[in-house]
Amino acid sequence: MITTYKVEAGQMRVGDAIVSLPPPGAAPTSTPPAAPIWIDLLQPSLQEERLVEQLIGVEVPTREEMQEIEASSRLYREGEVLFMTAPFLFGIDTGEVGSTPITFVLTTSSLVTIRYATPKAFGVFAARAAKNPSLAATPDGVMLGLFEQVVDRLADILERVGADMDRTSQAAFKAAKSHDRATRKDETLKDALIALGQVGEITSRTSDTLLGLSRILAFIAAEKDTCIRKENKNRVKTLARDVRSLMEHGKFLNEKATFLLDAVLGIINIEQNAIIKTFSVVAVIFMPPTLVASIYGMNFQFMPELGWTLGYPVAIALMIASAVAPLWYFKRKGWL
């Protein structure tokens, strides 16, 4: 699907198609159609890709090429056109968190974005640009506006993740100190493990997005003023600082999540060890009485104790004493 954005007479014009161009080799028209400021390709078909390529004069990357991880395949220049690809986080609100590569093709007259998912920042920026067309006055301004919206979105996500992590840690440590039933405590610790796993997933994908943005910003900062206008250079520097600060905060959250995960697993191990210790103590306590009962349960013909009048009460007393003695010893050693 193609969505075009063009500012005309101070108003944002949003379309869903591009005016067809004459086929290669045909005589050009006297007034060729002006390229939109922003061309957004969402899951484009081959025909849509060819139409955009004909409009901007260069080939756009395929989906397979967008997924390559080499720096030379993600950041490069062809003439006066810049090609930049980075993974972007999406699906936070729906609960299906993922990353998708998005390619930005920046020319002197247009910005082409190629994507196969919809991060929320794209929709938010499009809505803002519709209300304030000055945000989409230039192609590089649109691209930097998208980056700023992505950074704002990631900052909000990291703030929410930090708050969720604080609630999870408080619940886990409160459960560890409580005297609730084991089933309730296990449920709390299980929820903590799931929450921390989700936190780790989000922070790792957020860091991946920030790393990709950092590389793009470093790439365009080193470029000439052909595609990135001089007045936007300061925006690039500000974005780079914001990205670095978020990367540091994301690293801190990731380390905190790892610490909390180790702590929760340690609490679970302690609970399991306590249960195993209880069963071990019970087994040790019943071993001596079982031995006594087994001895006098043997069916030998000559057992002197069988004819003894006090044999039965003495055997019972011996079994009780052999059970109490280990219990007393364990308590004395502080094992119980």
Protein backbone atom coordinates (compact mmCIF):
# COMPACT_ATOMS: atom_id res chain seq x y z
CA MET A 1 0.00 0.00 0.00
CA ILE A 2 1.25 3.46 -0.91
CA THR A 3 0.44 6.53 1.15
CA THR A 4 1.71 9.91 -0.03
CA TYR A 5 2.04 13.14 1.91
CA LYS A 6 2.40 16.50 0.19
CA VAL A 7 2.06 20.06 1.45
CA GLU A 8 0.03 22.26 -0.90
CA ALA A 9 -1.13 25.78 -0.07
CA GLY A 10 -0.26 25.28 3.58
CA GLN A 11 -2.39 22.14 3.82
CA MET A 12 -1.34 18.52 4.12
CA ARG A 13 -2.58 16.41 1.24
CA VAL A 14 -2.70 12.70 1.96
CA GLY A 15 -3.18 10.29 -0.93
CA ASP A 16 -3.15 6.55 -1.50
CA ALA A 17 -1.53 6.49 -4.93
CA ILE A 18 1.13 8.07 -7.11
CA VAL A 19 0.35 9.67 -10.44
CA SER A 20 1.51 7.25 -13.10
CA LEU A 21 4.66 8.23 -14.93
CA PRO A 22 5.32 7.64 -18.62
CA PRO A 23 6.92 4.26 -19.30
CA PRO A 24 10.67 4.13 -19.96
CA GLY A 25 11.51 5.31 -23.46
CA ALA A 26 8.31 7.33 -23.85
CA ALA A 27 8.37 11.05 -24.45
CA PRO A 28 8.28 12.98 -21.16
CA THR A 29 5.30 15.16 -20.44
CA SER A 30 5.70 18.92 -20.40
CA THR A 31 4.87 19.11 -16.68
CA PRO A 32 6.02 15.96 -14.91
CA PRO A 33 4.23 15.24 -11.63
CA ALA A 34 5.95 16.57 -8.54
CA ALA A 35 7.14 13.91 -6.15
CA PRO A 36 5.42 13.91 -2.75
CA ILE A 37 7.46 14.94 0.26
CA TRP A 38 6.86 11.57 1.95
CA ILE A 39 6.01 8.28 0.27
CA ASP A 40 5.13 5.58 2.79
CA LEU A 41 5.20 2.00 1.49
CA LEU A 42 3.47 -0.53 3.74
CA GLN A 43 3.90 -4.13 2.57
CA PRO A 44 4.36 -2.92 -1.03
CA SER A 45 3.65 -5.06 -4.03
CA LEU A 46 6.17 -5.44 -6.84
CA GLN A 47 4.18 -3.02 -8.99
CA GLU A 48 4.17 -0.39 -6.25
CA GLU A 49 7.93 -0.76 -5.79
CA ARG A 50 8.49 -0.30 -9.53
CA LEU A 51 6.29 2.81 -9.56
CA VAL A 52 8.27 4.40 -6.73
CA GLU A 53 11.58 3.44 -8.34
CA GLN A 54 10.47 5.12 -11.54
CA LEU A 55 9.53 8.25 -9.61
CA ILE A 56 12.75 8.66 -7.56
CA GLY A 57 15.10 7.19 -10.16
CA VAL A 58 16.74 4.48 -7.98
CA GLU A 59 15.91 0.93 -6.97
CA VAL A 60 14.41 0.44 -3.52
CA PRO A 61 15.63 -2.45 -1.34
CA THR A 62 13.64 -5.68 -1.30
CA ARG A 63 12.40 -7.24 1.91
CA GLU A 64 15.25 -9.75 1.86
CA GLU A 65 17.81 -6.97 1.43
CA MET A 66 16.27 -5.03 4.31
CA GLN A 67 16.86 -7.98 6.65
CA GLU A 68 20.61 -8.11 6.03
CA ILE A 69 22.65 -7.11 9.05
CA GLU A 70 25.88 -5.87 7.46
CA ALA A 71 26.46 -2.17 7.99
CA SER A 72 27.28 -1.74 4.30
CA SER A 73 23.87 -3.18 3.39
CA ARG A 74 21.98 -0.99 5.82
CA LEU A 75 23.72 2.36 5.39
CA TYR A 76 24.94 3.44 1.97
CA ARG A 77 24.73 6.14 -0.67
CA GLU A 78 23.90 5.94 -4.36
CA GLY A 79 24.65 9.28 -5.98
CA GLU A 80 22.69 11.86 -4.05
CA VAL A 81 20.33 9.29 -2.49
CA LEU A 82 20.82 7.91 1.04
CA PHE A 83 19.64 4.42 2.01
CA MET A 84 19.22 3.74 5.74
CA THR A 85 17.75 0.64 7.39
CA ALA A 86 17.26 -0.09 11.08
CA PRO A 87 15.08 -2.41 13.22
CA PHE A 88 12.14 -0.74 14.94
CA LEU A 89 10.14 -1.94 17.93
CA PHE A 90 6.40 -2.48 17.47
CA GLY A 91 3.47 -4.28 19.11
CA ILE A 92 3.87 -2.99 22.67
CA ASP A 93 0.19 -2.04 23.01
CA THR A 94 -1.09 -5.30 21.53
CA GLY A 95 1.21 -7.50 23.61
CA GLU A 96 2.83 -9.04 20.53
CA VAL A 97 6.25 -7.42 20.82
CA GLY A 98 8.52 -7.63 17.80
CA SER A 99 11.08 -5.82 15.68
CA THR A 100 10.77 -5.00 12.02
CA PRO A 101 13.37 -3.51 9.65
CA ILE A 102 12.33 -0.19 8.12
CA THR A 103 14.22 1.43 5.26
CA PHE A 104 14.45 5.19 4.72
CA VAL A 105 15.34 6.29 1.19
CA LEU A 106 16.17 10.00 1.33
CA THR A 107 16.48 12.09 -1.81
CA THR A 108 16.71 15.86 -2.20
CA SER A 109 12.98 16.02 -2.95
CA SER A 110 11.34 13.01 -1.27
CA LEU A 111 11.52 10.58 1.60
CA VAL A 112 10.48 6.98 0.95
CA THR A 113 9.83 4.68 3.89
CA ILE A 114 9.53 0.95 3.27
CA ARG A 115 8.07 -1.14 6.06
CA TYR A 116 6.15 -4.35 6.73
CA ALA A 117 4.71 -3.44 10.13
CA THR A 118 3.36 -0.28 11.75
CA PRO A 119 5.19 1.10 14.77
CA LYS A 120 2.91 3.47 16.66
CA ALA A 121 5.30 6.38 16.16
CA PHE A 122 4.55 6.43 12.43
CA GLY A 123 0.82 6.87 12.94
CA VAL A 124 1.34 9.51 15.62
CA PHE A 125 3.70 11.55 13.44
CA ALA A 126 1.35 11.33 10.43
CA ALA A 127 -1.50 12.66 12.59
CA ARG A 128 0.69 15.49 13.91
CA ALA A 129 1.83 16.41 10.40
CA ALA A 130 -1.80 16.57 9.24
CA LYS A 131 -2.48 19.18 11.93
CA ASN A 132 0.85 20.99 11.52
CA PRO A 133 2.03 20.76 7.88
CA SER A 134 5.28 22.56 8.70
CA LEU A 135 6.51 19.27 10.21
CA ALA A 136 6.49 17.79 6.70
CA ALA A 137 7.90 20.74 4.78
CA THR A 138 11.10 18.94 3.72
CA PRO A 139 12.05 15.26 3.25
CA ASP A 140 14.84 15.35 5.82
CA GLY A 141 12.51 17.19 8.21
CA VAL A 142 9.99 14.36 7.87
CA MET A 143 12.66 11.74 8.54
CA LEU A 144 14.00 13.56 11.59
CA GLY A 145 10.45 14.11 12.81
CA LEU A 146 9.83 10.37 12.56
CA PHE A 147 13.04 9.69 14.47
CA GLU A 148 12.05 12.18 17.18
CA GLN A 149 8.66 10.53 17.51
CA VAL A 150 10.29 7.10 17.76
CA VAL A 151 12.68 8.34 20.45
CA ASP A 152 9.78 9.88 22.43
CA ARG A 153 7.88 6.62 22.13
CA LEU A 154 10.86 4.56 23.29
CA ALA A 155 11.38 6.90 26.25
CA ASP A 156 7.75 6.36 27.31
CA ILE A 157 8.18 2.59 26.94
CA LEU A 158 11.32 2.55 29.07
CA GLU A 159 9.59 4.64 31.75
CA ARG A 160 6.67 2.20 31.80
CA VAL A 161 9.01 -0.79 31.88
CA GLY A 162 10.88 0.73 34.83
CA ALA A 163 7.61 1.23 36.75
CA ASP A 164 6.48 -2.33 35.97
CA MET A 165 9.83 -3.65 37.16
CA ASP A 166 9.54 -1.77 40.45
CA ARG A 167 6.06 -3.22 41.08
CA THR A 168 7.28 -6.71 40.20
CA SER A 169 10.28 -6.52 42.52
CA GLN A 170 8.15 -5.24 45.41
CA ALA A 171 5.61 -8.03 44.92
CA ALA A 172 8.32 -10.70 44.70
CA PHE A 173 10.19 -9.61 47.82
CA LYS A 174 6.94 -9.10 49.73
CA ALA A 175 5.91 -12.66 48.83
CA ALA A 176 9.32 -13.96 49.93
CA LYS A 177 8.90 -12.40 53.41
CA SER A 178 5.23 -13.31 53.83
CA HIS A 179 3.79 -16.41 55.51
CA ASP A 180 1.15 -17.01 52.85
CA ARG A 181 0.27 -20.46 51.62
CA ALA A 182 2.81 -22.03 49.30
CA THR A 183 0.40 -22.07 46.34
CA ARG A 184 -0.24 -18.33 46.60
CA LYS A 185 3.43 -17.55 47.02
CA ASP A 186 4.32 -19.74 44.03
CA GLU A 187 1.76 -17.92 41.90
CA THR A 188 3.25 -14.54 42.82
CA LEU A 189 6.78 -15.68 42.00
CA LYS A 190 5.60 -17.21 38.72
CA ASP A 191 3.99 -13.90 37.73
CA ALA A 192 7.24 -12.13 38.63
CA LEU A 193 9.24 -14.45 36.37
CA ILE A 194 6.84 -13.86 33.46
CA ALA A 195 6.91 -10.08 33.99
CA LEU A 196 10.71 -9.99 34.14
CA GLY A 197 10.93 -12.11 31.00
CA GLN A 198 8.70 -9.61 29.18
CA VAL A 199 10.81 -6.74 30.52
CA GLY A 200 13.95 -8.38 29.18
CA GLU A 201 12.33 -8.88 25.79
CA ILE A 202 11.21 -5.25 25.55
CA THR A 203 14.48 -3.74 26.77
CA SER A 204 16.57 -5.86 24.41
CA ARG A 205 14.44 -4.91 21.41
CA THR A 206 14.42 -1.28 22.53
CA SER A 207 18.21 -1.32 22.71
CA ASP A 208 18.30 -2.83 19.22
CA THR A 209 16.14 0.01 17.89
CA LEU A 210 18.23 2.65 19.63
CA LEU A 211 21.44 1.12 18.29
CA GLY A 212 20.06 1.23 14.75
CA LEU A 213 19.00 4.86 15.19
CA SER A 214 22.42 5.73 16.58
CA ARG A 215 24.11 4.30 13.50
CA ILE A 216 21.74 6.15 11.16
CA LEU A 217 22.33 9.45 12.95
CA ALA A 218 26.10 8.97 12.84
CA PHE A 219 25.81 8.17 9.13
CA ILE A 220 23.77 11.25 8.21
CA ALA A 221 25.85 13.50 10.48
CA ALA A 222 28.86 12.70 8.32
CA GLU A 223 27.01 13.46 5.08
CA LYS A 224 27.09 16.68 3.13
CA ASP A 225 24.26 19.19 3.08
CA THR A 226 22.73 17.75 -0.10
CA CYS A 227 20.11 15.58 1.62
CA ILE A 228 20.35 16.86 5.19
CA ARG A 229 19.85 20.59 5.23
CA LYS A 230 22.17 22.75 7.29
CA GLU A 231 19.34 23.99 9.52
CA ASN A 232 18.59 20.39 10.54
CA LYS A 233 22.12 19.52 11.65
CA ASN A 234 21.39 20.64 15.21
CA ARG A 235 18.35 18.36 15.30
CA VAL A 236 20.61 15.47 14.36
CA LYS A 237 22.99 16.27 17.23
CA THR A 238 20.11 16.59 19.70
CA LEU A 239 18.65 13.29 18.55
CA ALA A 240 22.02 11.60 18.90
CA ARG A 241 22.32 12.83 22.51
CA ASP A 242 18.80 11.64 23.33
CA VAL A 243 19.49 8.23 21.79
CA ARG A 244 22.70 7.84 23.79
CA SER A 245 20.92 8.72 27.04
CA LEU A 246 18.14 6.22 26.33
CA MET A 247 20.68 3.52 25.48
CA GLU A 248 22.34 4.06 28.86
CA HIS A 249 18.97 3.96 30.63
CA GLY A 250 17.97 0.82 28.72
CA LYS A 251 21.25 -0.82 29.73
CA PHE A 252 20.54 0.04 33.37
CA LEU A 253 17.04 -1.45 33.14
CA ASN A 254 18.37 -4.58 31.47
CA GLU A 255 20.95 -5.06 34.24
CA LYS A 256 18.29 -4.46 36.88
CA ALA A 257 16.00 -7.02 35.22
CA THR A 258 18.85 -9.55 35.24
CA PHE A 259 19.47 -8.90 38.95
CA LEU A 260 15.78 -9.26 39.80
CA LEU A 261 15.54 -12.42 37.72
CA ASP A 262 18.44 -13.94 39.65
CA ALA A 263 16.86 -12.84 42.93
CA VAL A 264 13.47 -14.37 42.11
CA LEU A 265 15.10 -17.61 40.98
CA GLY A 266 17.08 -17.61 44.25
CA ILE A 267 13.87 -17.18 46.24
CA ILE A 268 12.26 -20.07 44.35
CA ASN A 269 15.31 -22.25 45.01
CA ILE A 270 15.15 -21.45 48.73
CA GLU A 271 11.46 -22.39 48.83
CA GLN A 272 12.17 -25.64 47.02
CA ASN A 273 15.10 -26.43 49.30
CA ALA A 274 12.88 -25.90 52.35
CA ILE A 275 10.34 -28.37 50.98
CA ILE A 276 13.03 -30.92 50.15
CA LYS A 277 14.58 -30.45 53.62
CA THR A 278 11.21 -31.17 55.24
CA PHE A 279 10.83 -34.41 53.30
CA SER A 280 14.43 -35.36 54.11
CA VAL A 281 13.90 -34.80 57.84
CA VAL A 282 10.69 -36.83 57.81
CA ALA A 283 12.47 -39.65 55.98
CA VAL A 284 15.37 -39.65 58.47
CA ILE A 285 12.99 -39.61 61.44
CA PHE A 286 11.09 -42.67 60.22
CA MET A 287 14.16 -44.66 59.19
CA PRO A 288 15.13 -45.95 62.72
CA PRO A 289 11.55 -46.97 63.68
CA THR A 290 11.25 -48.72 60.33
CA LEU A 291 14.48 -50.59 61.03
CA VAL A 292 13.20 -51.74 64.45
CA ALA A 293 9.85 -52.78 63.01
CA SER A 294 11.59 -54.63 60.19
CA ILE A 295 13.81 -56.58 62.62
CA TYR A 296 10.87 -57.79 64.70
CA GLY A 297 8.80 -58.44 61.60
CA MET A 298 11.16 -61.19 60.45
CA ASN A 299 9.69 -64.71 60.60
CA PHE A 300 12.59 -66.66 62.16
CA GLN A 301 11.69 -69.61 64.40
CA PHE A 302 14.10 -68.72 67.19
CA MET A 303 13.71 -65.07 68.28
CA PRO A 304 14.08 -64.80 72.09
CA GLU A 305 12.17 -61.50 72.27
CA LEU A 306 9.00 -63.12 70.93
CA GLY A 307 8.46 -64.94 74.19
CA TRP A 308 9.20 -61.90 76.33
CA THR A 309 6.18 -60.40 78.08
CA LEU A 310 7.50 -56.79 77.80
CA GLY A 311 8.76 -57.27 74.26
CA TYR A 312 5.92 -55.39 72.56
CA PRO A 313 5.98 -52.21 74.75
CA VAL A 314 9.77 -52.14 74.70
CA ALA A 315 9.78 -52.34 70.87
CA ILE A 316 7.24 -49.49 70.70
CA ALA A 317 9.32 -47.39 73.12
CA LEU A 318 12.47 -48.13 71.13
CA MET A 319 10.82 -46.99 67.91
CA ILE A 320 9.59 -43.75 69.52
CA ALA A 321 13.02 -43.03 71.00
CA SER A 322 14.77 -43.71 67.71
CA ALA A 323 12.42 -41.23 66.01
CA VAL A 324 12.76 -38.50 68.66
CA ALA A 325 16.55 -38.71 68.88
CA PRO A 326 17.26 -37.50 65.28
CA LEU A 327 14.63 -34.77 65.64
CA TRP A 328 16.29 -33.52 68.85
CA TYR A 329 19.73 -33.65 67.20
CA PHE A 330 18.56 -31.66 64.15
CA LYS A 331 17.06 -28.94 66.33
CA ARG A 332 20.20 -28.75 68.44
CA LYS A 333 22.28 -28.24 65.30
CA GLY A 334 19.87 -25.56 64.02
CA TRP A 335 18.91 -27.48 60.92
CA LEU A 336 15.21 -27.07 61.64
